[in-house]
Amino acid sequence: MNKLILLTEILKLLDAIKLSAVKAANQAHETATHSETVARSKYETFGLEASYLAHGQAQRVAECTMDLKAFTELNLCAFNDGKSIGLGALVVIMDEKDDEQFLFIGPGAGGLKFSVTVDIQASPEQVEVMIITPSSPLGCALMGRGLDDIVAINIGDNRKEYEIVAVY
C-alpha cells in the first residue's frame, strides 16, 4: 500500500481547512476593527464579542498551521513484519458486528474524515479514513499493538472491542 497517496490527500485537506480558517479569521478581524463596532455605551458588546471571535479564529489558524507542519514532517514507514502500531500507521479494525473502520494514526487533526482510493491486495477500493491521535482513547489503545490483537475501550458505560485486522 502506498501511504504517500494517503498523506498527500491529508495535506490537501488540511490546506483547504487552513485556507477556510484564514478567511474566517480575516473576516472576524475586519468586523472587530470596523468603526461601526465601537461601543457607544457600556451595554453595547458587539465589538467585544467580535474581538473574542477574532482571537478564537486566529488560534484556529495557528492550530491548522501546526497540524500541517506535523503532517509535512511525518515520517511514513511500513508497519508489517510484526512491527508495533505507531504514528503514521493505517490501521483497519473490526467491531463485533464485523464493521470495518480505517484509522490513520496521525500527529494531529484528530476526528478528520476523508475518502481515498487504496490498493488492498491488488484491488483498488474507495474507503473512508478517519484520523485519530495517540492521545485519543482508541489511539492510545492501538499504540504498541499489532495485527490480530484485540483492543477495548470504554465509552461511558459501554465497552467496545475491536480486532486489528490489518496494519499498513
N, C-alpha and C. Protein backbone atom coordinates (compact mmCIF):
# COMPACT_ATOMS: atom_id res chain seq x y z
N MET A 1 0.84 -1.18 0.00
CA MET A 1 0.00 0.00 0.00
C MET A 1 0.89 1.24 0.00
N ASN A 2 0.54 2.20 -0.83
CA ASN A 2 1.30 3.45 -0.94
C ASN A 2 0.66 4.51 -0.03
N LYS A 3 1.27 4.69 1.14
CA LYS A 3 0.71 5.66 2.09
C LYS A 3 1.02 7.10 1.71
N LEU A 4 1.90 7.29 0.73
CA LEU A 4 2.20 8.64 0.25
C LEU A 4 0.94 9.27 -0.37
N ILE A 5 0.13 8.46 -1.05
CA ILE A 5 -1.14 8.94 -1.61
C ILE A 5 -2.05 9.39 -0.47
N LEU A 6 -2.09 8.62 0.59
CA LEU A 6 -2.90 8.95 1.76
C LEU A 6 -2.43 10.26 2.40
N LEU A 7 -1.12 10.40 2.56
CA LEU A 7 -0.57 11.61 3.16
C LEU A 7 -0.82 12.82 2.28
N THR A 8 -0.72 12.66 0.98
CA THR A 8 -0.99 13.76 0.05
C THR A 8 -2.44 14.22 0.19
N GLU A 9 -3.35 13.28 0.31
CA GLU A 9 -4.78 13.62 0.48
C GLU A 9 -4.99 14.36 1.80
N ILE A 10 -4.34 13.91 2.86
CA ILE A 10 -4.45 14.58 4.16
C ILE A 10 -3.92 16.01 4.07
N LEU A 11 -2.77 16.18 3.44
CA LEU A 11 -2.19 17.53 3.32
C LEU A 11 -3.08 18.46 2.50
N LYS A 12 -3.69 17.95 1.42
CA LYS A 12 -4.61 18.78 0.63
C LYS A 12 -5.81 19.19 1.47
N LEU A 13 -6.34 18.26 2.24
CA LEU A 13 -7.50 18.54 3.09
C LEU A 13 -7.15 19.54 4.18
N LEU A 14 -6.00 19.36 4.83
CA LEU A 14 -5.57 20.29 5.87
C LEU A 14 -5.30 21.68 5.31
N ASP A 15 -4.76 21.74 4.10
CA ASP A 15 -4.51 23.03 3.46
C ASP A 15 -5.82 23.75 3.18
N ALA A 16 -6.83 23.02 2.72
CA ALA A 16 -8.15 23.62 2.46
C ALA A 16 -8.79 24.11 3.76
N ILE A 17 -8.63 23.34 4.83
CA ILE A 17 -9.18 23.74 6.13
C ILE A 17 -8.47 25.00 6.62
N LYS A 18 -7.16 25.06 6.44
CA LYS A 18 -6.40 26.24 6.87
C LYS A 18 -6.83 27.47 6.06
N LEU A 19 -7.01 27.31 4.77
CA LEU A 19 -7.44 28.43 3.93
C LEU A 19 -8.79 28.96 4.40
N SER A 20 -9.70 28.07 4.71
CA SER A 20 -11.01 28.47 5.24
C SER A 20 -10.86 29.18 6.58
N ALA A 21 -9.98 28.69 7.43
CA ALA A 21 -9.75 29.31 8.74
C ALA A 21 -9.14 30.70 8.59
N VAL A 22 -8.23 30.87 7.64
CA VAL A 22 -7.62 32.19 7.40
C VAL A 22 -8.67 33.18 6.93
N LYS A 23 -9.55 32.74 6.03
CA LYS A 23 -10.63 33.62 5.56
C LYS A 23 -11.53 34.03 6.72
N ALA A 24 -11.90 33.08 7.56
CA ALA A 24 -12.76 33.37 8.70
C ALA A 24 -12.05 34.31 9.68
N ALA A 25 -10.76 34.11 9.90
CA ALA A 25 -10.00 34.97 10.81
C ALA A 25 -9.91 36.39 10.27
N ASN A 26 -9.67 36.52 8.97
CA ASN A 26 -9.61 37.86 8.37
C ASN A 26 -10.94 38.58 8.47
N GLN A 27 -12.01 37.85 8.20
CA GLN A 27 -13.35 38.46 8.29
C GLN A 27 -13.66 38.86 9.74
N ALA A 28 -13.32 38.02 10.70
CA ALA A 28 -13.56 38.34 12.10
C ALA A 28 -12.73 39.55 12.53
N HIS A 29 -11.49 39.64 12.04
CA HIS A 29 -10.63 40.78 12.37
C HIS A 29 -11.20 42.07 11.79
N GLU A 30 -11.67 42.00 10.54
CA GLU A 30 -12.28 43.19 9.93
C GLU A 30 -13.50 43.65 10.71
N THR A 31 -14.32 42.70 11.13
CA THR A 31 -15.51 43.04 11.91
C THR A 31 -15.12 43.65 13.25
N ALA A 32 -14.13 43.08 13.91
CA ALA A 32 -13.72 43.56 15.23
C ALA A 32 -13.11 44.95 15.18
N THR A 33 -12.47 45.29 14.07
CA THR A 33 -11.79 46.59 13.98
C THR A 33 -12.57 47.63 13.18
N HIS A 34 -13.75 47.27 12.73
CA HIS A 34 -14.57 48.21 11.94
C HIS A 34 -15.09 49.33 12.84
N SER A 35 -15.19 50.52 12.28
CA SER A 35 -15.63 51.69 13.07
C SER A 35 -17.05 51.54 13.59
N GLU A 36 -17.87 50.75 12.93
CA GLU A 36 -19.26 50.55 13.37
C GLU A 36 -19.36 49.70 14.64
N THR A 37 -18.30 48.99 14.99
CA THR A 37 -18.37 48.11 16.16
C THR A 37 -17.94 48.79 17.45
N VAL A 38 -17.57 50.05 17.38
CA VAL A 38 -17.16 50.78 18.58
C VAL A 38 -18.38 50.97 19.48
N ALA A 39 -18.24 50.57 20.74
CA ALA A 39 -19.36 50.69 21.68
C ALA A 39 -19.64 52.15 22.01
N ARG A 40 -20.92 52.50 21.98
CA ARG A 40 -21.33 53.86 22.32
C ARG A 40 -21.86 53.94 23.75
N SER A 41 -22.07 52.76 24.35
CA SER A 41 -22.47 52.71 25.76
C SER A 41 -21.93 51.40 26.35
N LYS A 42 -22.03 51.29 27.66
CA LYS A 42 -21.50 50.09 28.30
C LYS A 42 -22.33 48.84 28.00
N TYR A 43 -23.51 49.03 27.42
CA TYR A 43 -24.37 47.90 27.11
C TYR A 43 -24.17 47.35 25.70
N GLU A 44 -23.44 48.06 24.89
CA GLU A 44 -23.16 47.58 23.53
C GLU A 44 -21.90 46.72 23.56
N THR A 45 -22.08 45.44 23.35
CA THR A 45 -20.95 44.49 23.48
C THR A 45 -20.55 43.85 22.15
N PHE A 46 -21.12 44.32 21.05
CA PHE A 46 -20.82 43.71 19.76
C PHE A 46 -19.33 43.75 19.45
N GLY A 47 -18.69 44.86 19.71
CA GLY A 47 -17.25 44.99 19.43
C GLY A 47 -16.43 44.02 20.27
N LEU A 48 -16.79 43.88 21.54
CA LEU A 48 -16.09 42.95 22.43
C LEU A 48 -16.27 41.51 21.95
N GLU A 49 -17.51 41.18 21.59
CA GLU A 49 -17.78 39.83 21.10
C GLU A 49 -17.02 39.56 19.81
N ALA A 50 -16.96 40.54 18.94
CA ALA A 50 -16.23 40.39 17.67
C ALA A 50 -14.74 40.19 17.92
N SER A 51 -14.20 40.87 18.93
CA SER A 51 -12.77 40.70 19.22
C SER A 51 -12.48 39.31 19.78
N TYR A 52 -13.39 38.78 20.60
CA TYR A 52 -13.22 37.41 21.10
C TYR A 52 -13.26 36.41 19.93
N LEU A 53 -14.18 36.64 19.01
CA LEU A 53 -14.28 35.77 17.84
C LEU A 53 -13.00 35.84 17.00
N ALA A 54 -12.49 37.04 16.80
CA ALA A 54 -11.26 37.21 16.02
C ALA A 54 -10.10 36.47 16.68
N HIS A 55 -10.02 36.56 18.01
CA HIS A 55 -8.96 35.86 18.74
C HIS A 55 -9.10 34.34 18.56
N GLY A 56 -10.31 33.84 18.69
CA GLY A 56 -10.55 32.40 18.53
C GLY A 56 -10.20 31.92 17.12
N GLN A 57 -10.56 32.72 16.13
CA GLN A 57 -10.25 32.35 14.75
C GLN A 57 -8.75 32.37 14.50
N ALA A 58 -8.05 33.31 15.11
CA ALA A 58 -6.59 33.37 14.97
C ALA A 58 -5.95 32.12 15.60
N GLN A 59 -6.49 31.67 16.73
CA GLN A 59 -5.99 30.44 17.36
C GLN A 59 -6.24 29.23 16.46
N ARG A 60 -7.40 29.23 15.80
CA ARG A 60 -7.73 28.13 14.89
C ARG A 60 -6.73 28.08 13.73
N VAL A 61 -6.36 29.23 13.20
CA VAL A 61 -5.36 29.28 12.12
C VAL A 61 -4.03 28.72 12.62
N ALA A 62 -3.64 29.08 13.84
CA ALA A 62 -2.39 28.58 14.41
C ALA A 62 -2.42 27.05 14.56
N GLU A 63 -3.57 26.51 14.99
CA GLU A 63 -3.70 25.06 15.13
C GLU A 63 -3.61 24.38 13.76
N CYS A 64 -4.25 24.97 12.76
CA CYS A 64 -4.18 24.42 11.40
C CYS A 64 -2.75 24.42 10.89
N THR A 65 -2.02 25.49 11.16
CA THR A 65 -0.62 25.59 10.75
C THR A 65 0.22 24.50 11.43
N MET A 66 -0.03 24.29 12.72
CA MET A 66 0.71 23.24 13.45
C MET A 66 0.39 21.86 12.90
N ASP A 67 -0.90 21.59 12.59
CA ASP A 67 -1.27 20.30 12.02
C ASP A 67 -0.59 20.08 10.67
N LEU A 68 -0.61 21.10 9.83
CA LEU A 68 0.05 20.99 8.52
C LEU A 68 1.53 20.70 8.66
N LYS A 69 2.19 21.40 9.57
CA LYS A 69 3.62 21.20 9.80
C LYS A 69 3.90 19.78 10.31
N ALA A 70 3.07 19.32 11.25
CA ALA A 70 3.27 17.99 11.82
C ALA A 70 3.11 16.90 10.76
N PHE A 71 2.11 17.03 9.89
CA PHE A 71 1.92 16.02 8.85
C PHE A 71 2.98 16.13 7.77
N THR A 72 3.46 17.34 7.48
CA THR A 72 4.52 17.51 6.49
C THR A 72 5.80 16.83 6.96
N GLU A 73 6.07 16.88 8.26
CA GLU A 73 7.28 16.29 8.82
C GLU A 73 7.12 14.82 9.21
N LEU A 74 5.92 14.27 9.02
CA LEU A 74 5.66 12.88 9.42
C LEU A 74 6.48 11.91 8.58
N ASN A 75 7.17 11.02 9.26
CA ASN A 75 7.99 10.01 8.59
C ASN A 75 7.14 8.76 8.40
N LEU A 76 6.76 8.48 7.16
CA LEU A 76 5.95 7.31 6.87
C LEU A 76 6.82 6.07 6.76
N CYS A 77 6.39 5.01 7.39
CA CYS A 77 7.09 3.74 7.26
C CYS A 77 6.05 2.63 7.21
N ALA A 78 6.46 1.48 6.73
CA ALA A 78 5.57 0.33 6.64
C ALA A 78 5.46 -0.34 8.01
N PHE A 79 4.26 -0.71 8.37
CA PHE A 79 4.03 -1.40 9.64
C PHE A 79 3.69 -2.86 9.33
N ASN A 80 4.68 -3.58 8.86
CA ASN A 80 4.48 -5.00 8.60
C ASN A 80 5.58 -5.78 9.30
N ASP A 81 5.58 -7.06 9.11
CA ASP A 81 6.59 -7.93 9.73
C ASP A 81 6.59 -7.80 11.25
N GLY A 82 5.41 -7.70 11.84
CA GLY A 82 5.30 -7.69 13.29
C GLY A 82 5.63 -6.38 13.97
N LYS A 83 5.82 -5.31 13.21
CA LYS A 83 6.14 -4.02 13.81
C LYS A 83 4.91 -3.48 14.55
N SER A 84 5.13 -2.94 15.74
CA SER A 84 4.04 -2.41 16.55
C SER A 84 3.45 -1.15 15.92
N ILE A 85 2.16 -0.94 16.15
CA ILE A 85 1.46 0.24 15.64
C ILE A 85 2.03 1.49 16.27
N GLY A 86 2.25 2.50 15.44
CA GLY A 86 2.76 3.78 15.90
C GLY A 86 2.26 4.89 15.00
N LEU A 87 2.83 6.07 15.19
CA LEU A 87 2.46 7.24 14.39
C LEU A 87 2.70 6.96 12.91
N GLY A 88 1.72 7.27 12.08
CA GLY A 88 1.83 7.06 10.65
C GLY A 88 1.25 5.74 10.17
N ALA A 89 0.71 4.95 11.08
CA ALA A 89 0.13 3.66 10.71
C ALA A 89 -1.30 3.84 10.20
N LEU A 90 -1.65 3.09 9.18
CA LEU A 90 -3.03 2.97 8.74
C LEU A 90 -3.51 1.64 9.29
N VAL A 91 -4.51 1.70 10.16
CA VAL A 91 -4.98 0.51 10.87
C VAL A 91 -6.42 0.23 10.46
N VAL A 92 -6.70 -1.03 10.20
CA VAL A 92 -8.07 -1.45 9.91
C VAL A 92 -8.53 -2.28 11.10
N ILE A 93 -9.62 -1.83 11.71
CA ILE A 93 -10.18 -2.55 12.86
C ILE A 93 -11.58 -3.04 12.51
N MET A 94 -12.01 -4.09 13.22
CA MET A 94 -13.34 -4.64 13.01
C MET A 94 -14.02 -4.79 14.36
N ASP A 95 -15.28 -4.35 14.42
CA ASP A 95 -16.02 -4.47 15.68
C ASP A 95 -16.77 -5.81 15.73
N GLU A 96 -17.59 -5.97 16.79
CA GLU A 96 -18.32 -7.22 16.99
C GLU A 96 -19.32 -7.51 15.87
N LYS A 97 -19.75 -6.47 15.16
CA LYS A 97 -20.72 -6.63 14.07
C LYS A 97 -20.04 -6.81 12.72
N ASP A 98 -18.73 -7.01 12.73
CA ASP A 98 -17.91 -7.17 11.52
C ASP A 98 -17.87 -5.92 10.65
N ASP A 99 -18.10 -4.75 11.24
CA ASP A 99 -17.95 -3.48 10.53
C ASP A 99 -16.49 -3.04 10.62
N GLU A 100 -15.92 -2.72 9.45
CA GLU A 100 -14.52 -2.29 9.40
C GLU A 100 -14.42 -0.77 9.47
N GLN A 101 -13.35 -0.31 10.10
CA GLN A 101 -13.01 1.11 10.14
C GLN A 101 -11.55 1.25 9.76
N PHE A 102 -11.27 2.25 8.91
CA PHE A 102 -9.90 2.57 8.53
C PHE A 102 -9.48 3.79 9.35
N LEU A 103 -8.41 3.64 10.12
CA LEU A 103 -7.93 4.69 11.00
C LEU A 103 -6.48 5.01 10.68
N PHE A 104 -6.19 6.29 10.52
CA PHE A 104 -4.81 6.72 10.31
C PHE A 104 -4.34 7.37 11.60
N ILE A 105 -3.26 6.88 12.18
CA ILE A 105 -2.75 7.44 13.43
C ILE A 105 -1.83 8.59 13.07
N GLY A 106 -2.31 9.80 13.34
CA GLY A 106 -1.57 11.00 12.96
C GLY A 106 -1.17 11.84 14.14
N PRO A 107 -0.31 12.83 13.89
CA PRO A 107 0.17 13.71 14.96
C PRO A 107 -0.81 14.82 15.34
N GLY A 108 -1.90 14.95 14.60
CA GLY A 108 -2.89 16.00 14.88
C GLY A 108 -4.11 15.79 14.01
N ALA A 109 -5.01 16.78 14.02
CA ALA A 109 -6.23 16.77 13.19
C ALA A 109 -7.12 15.57 13.50
N GLY A 110 -7.15 15.16 14.75
CA GLY A 110 -7.98 14.02 15.15
C GLY A 110 -9.45 14.24 14.84
N GLY A 111 -10.10 13.19 14.36
CA GLY A 111 -11.52 13.25 14.04
C GLY A 111 -11.82 13.59 12.59
N LEU A 112 -10.81 14.04 11.86
CA LEU A 112 -10.99 14.40 10.46
C LEU A 112 -11.23 13.14 9.64
N LYS A 113 -12.26 13.17 8.78
CA LYS A 113 -12.58 12.02 7.92
C LYS A 113 -12.45 12.42 6.47
N PHE A 114 -12.02 11.48 5.65
CA PHE A 114 -11.91 11.72 4.21
C PHE A 114 -11.98 10.39 3.48
N SER A 115 -12.34 10.46 2.20
CA SER A 115 -12.40 9.27 1.36
C SER A 115 -11.17 9.23 0.46
N VAL A 116 -10.67 8.04 0.26
CA VAL A 116 -9.48 7.86 -0.57
C VAL A 116 -9.54 6.46 -1.20
N THR A 117 -8.95 6.34 -2.37
CA THR A 117 -8.85 5.04 -3.01
C THR A 117 -7.54 4.40 -2.59
N VAL A 118 -7.64 3.20 -2.05
CA VAL A 118 -6.45 2.48 -1.60
C VAL A 118 -6.38 1.14 -2.33
N ASP A 119 -5.16 0.67 -2.54
CA ASP A 119 -4.96 -0.65 -3.13
C ASP A 119 -4.82 -1.67 -2.02
N ILE A 120 -5.86 -2.49 -1.89
CA ILE A 120 -5.82 -3.54 -0.88
C ILE A 120 -5.78 -4.87 -1.62
N GLN A 121 -4.70 -5.58 -1.46
CA GLN A 121 -4.47 -6.87 -2.11
C GLN A 121 -4.70 -6.76 -3.62
N ALA A 122 -4.07 -5.75 -4.22
CA ALA A 122 -4.06 -5.50 -5.67
C ALA A 122 -5.42 -5.14 -6.26
N SER A 123 -6.37 -4.73 -5.42
CA SER A 123 -7.65 -4.26 -5.97
C SER A 123 -7.98 -2.90 -5.35
N PRO A 124 -8.13 -1.87 -6.20
CA PRO A 124 -8.44 -0.53 -5.69
C PRO A 124 -9.82 -0.49 -5.03
N GLU A 125 -9.89 0.19 -3.91
CA GLU A 125 -11.13 0.27 -3.16
C GLU A 125 -11.26 1.67 -2.55
N GLN A 126 -12.44 2.27 -2.67
CA GLN A 126 -12.71 3.57 -2.07
C GLN A 126 -13.11 3.35 -0.60
N VAL A 127 -12.37 3.95 0.31
CA VAL A 127 -12.66 3.78 1.74
C VAL A 127 -12.70 5.14 2.43
N GLU A 128 -13.41 5.17 3.55
CA GLU A 128 -13.40 6.37 4.38
C GLU A 128 -12.38 6.15 5.50
N VAL A 129 -11.50 7.11 5.65
CA VAL A 129 -10.44 7.03 6.65
C VAL A 129 -10.66 8.13 7.67
N MET A 130 -10.50 7.79 8.94
CA MET A 130 -10.57 8.79 10.00
C MET A 130 -9.20 8.91 10.64
N ILE A 131 -8.79 10.15 10.85
CA ILE A 131 -7.52 10.40 11.54
C ILE A 131 -7.79 10.36 13.03
N ILE A 132 -6.97 9.60 13.75
CA ILE A 132 -7.02 9.62 15.21
C ILE A 132 -5.61 9.92 15.71
N THR A 133 -5.53 10.42 16.92
CA THR A 133 -4.23 10.74 17.51
C THR A 133 -3.94 9.75 18.64
N PRO A 134 -2.68 9.60 19.00
CA PRO A 134 -2.34 8.70 20.11
C PRO A 134 -2.94 9.13 21.45
N SER A 135 -3.36 10.39 21.55
CA SER A 135 -3.95 10.85 22.81
C SER A 135 -5.44 10.54 22.92
N SER A 136 -6.07 10.09 21.84
CA SER A 136 -7.48 9.70 21.90
C SER A 136 -7.58 8.33 22.57
N PRO A 137 -8.73 7.99 23.14
CA PRO A 137 -8.85 6.67 23.79
C PRO A 137 -8.54 5.50 22.85
N LEU A 138 -9.08 5.55 21.63
CA LEU A 138 -8.82 4.46 20.69
C LEU A 138 -7.38 4.49 20.21
N GLY A 139 -6.85 5.67 19.94
CA GLY A 139 -5.46 5.80 19.52
C GLY A 139 -4.51 5.26 20.57
N CYS A 140 -4.77 5.59 21.81
CA CYS A 140 -3.95 5.12 22.93
C CYS A 140 -4.01 3.59 23.03
N ALA A 141 -5.21 3.04 22.84
CA ALA A 141 -5.37 1.59 22.93
C ALA A 141 -4.65 0.87 21.79
N LEU A 142 -4.55 1.51 20.62
CA LEU A 142 -3.91 0.88 19.46
C LEU A 142 -2.38 0.97 19.49
N MET A 143 -1.85 2.02 20.10
CA MET A 143 -0.39 2.22 20.09
C MET A 143 0.33 1.02 20.72
N GLY A 144 1.33 0.54 20.00
CA GLY A 144 2.13 -0.58 20.50
C GLY A 144 1.52 -1.94 20.24
N ARG A 145 0.31 -1.98 19.73
CA ARG A 145 -0.34 -3.26 19.44
C ARG A 145 0.05 -3.74 18.05
N GLY A 146 -0.45 -4.91 17.68
CA GLY A 146 -0.12 -5.47 16.38
C GLY A 146 -1.30 -6.18 15.75
N LEU A 147 -1.06 -6.74 14.60
CA LEU A 147 -2.06 -7.46 13.83
C LEU A 147 -2.69 -8.57 14.67
N ASP A 148 -3.99 -8.72 14.57
CA ASP A 148 -4.80 -9.74 15.25
C ASP A 148 -4.99 -9.49 16.74
N ASP A 149 -4.45 -8.39 17.27
CA ASP A 149 -4.70 -8.06 18.68
C ASP A 149 -6.13 -7.56 18.84
N ILE A 150 -6.65 -7.71 20.04
CA ILE A 150 -7.98 -7.19 20.39
C ILE A 150 -7.74 -6.00 21.31
N VAL A 151 -8.38 -4.86 20.98
CA VAL A 151 -8.29 -3.69 21.85
C VAL A 151 -9.70 -3.37 22.34
N ALA A 152 -9.77 -2.84 23.55
CA ALA A 152 -11.06 -2.50 24.14
C ALA A 152 -10.99 -1.08 24.68
N ILE A 153 -12.07 -0.35 24.48
CA ILE A 153 -12.18 0.99 25.06
C ILE A 153 -13.55 1.11 25.71
N ASN A 154 -13.61 1.95 26.71
CA ASN A 154 -14.88 2.22 27.38
C ASN A 154 -15.42 3.56 26.90
N ILE A 155 -16.66 3.54 26.44
CA ILE A 155 -17.35 4.75 26.02
C ILE A 155 -18.54 4.90 26.95
N GLY A 156 -18.37 5.73 27.96
CA GLY A 156 -19.40 5.82 29.00
C GLY A 156 -19.45 4.49 29.74
N ASP A 157 -20.63 3.90 29.80
CA ASP A 157 -20.80 2.60 30.46
C ASP A 157 -20.63 1.44 29.49
N ASN A 158 -20.43 1.75 28.22
CA ASN A 158 -20.31 0.70 27.20
C ASN A 158 -18.85 0.37 26.94
N ARG A 159 -18.59 -0.91 26.81
CA ARG A 159 -17.25 -1.39 26.47
C ARG A 159 -17.28 -1.86 25.02
N LYS A 160 -16.39 -1.31 24.20
CA LYS A 160 -16.32 -1.68 22.79
C LYS A 160 -15.01 -2.42 22.55
N GLU A 161 -15.09 -3.53 21.85
CA GLU A 161 -13.90 -4.29 21.50
C GLU A 161 -13.72 -4.29 19.99
N TYR A 162 -12.47 -4.17 19.58
CA TYR A 162 -12.12 -4.16 18.16
C TYR A 162 -10.97 -5.12 17.93
N GLU A 163 -11.02 -5.79 16.79
CA GLU A 163 -9.90 -6.63 16.38
C GLU A 163 -9.12 -5.89 15.31
N ILE A 164 -7.81 -5.90 15.43
CA ILE A 164 -6.94 -5.28 14.43
C ILE A 164 -6.78 -6.29 13.30
N VAL A 165 -7.37 -5.97 12.13
CA VAL A 165 -7.37 -6.92 11.02
C VAL A 165 -6.32 -6.60 9.95
N ALA A 166 -5.81 -5.37 9.96
CA ALA A 166 -4.74 -5.02 9.01
C ALA A 166 -3.99 -3.81 9.54
N VAL A 167 -2.69 -3.78 9.25
CA VAL A 167 -1.85 -2.64 9.63
C VAL A 167 -0.93 -2.36 8.44
N TYR A 168 -0.93 -1.10 7.99
CA TYR A 168 -0.09 -0.70 6.86
C TYR A 168 0.85 0.41 7.28
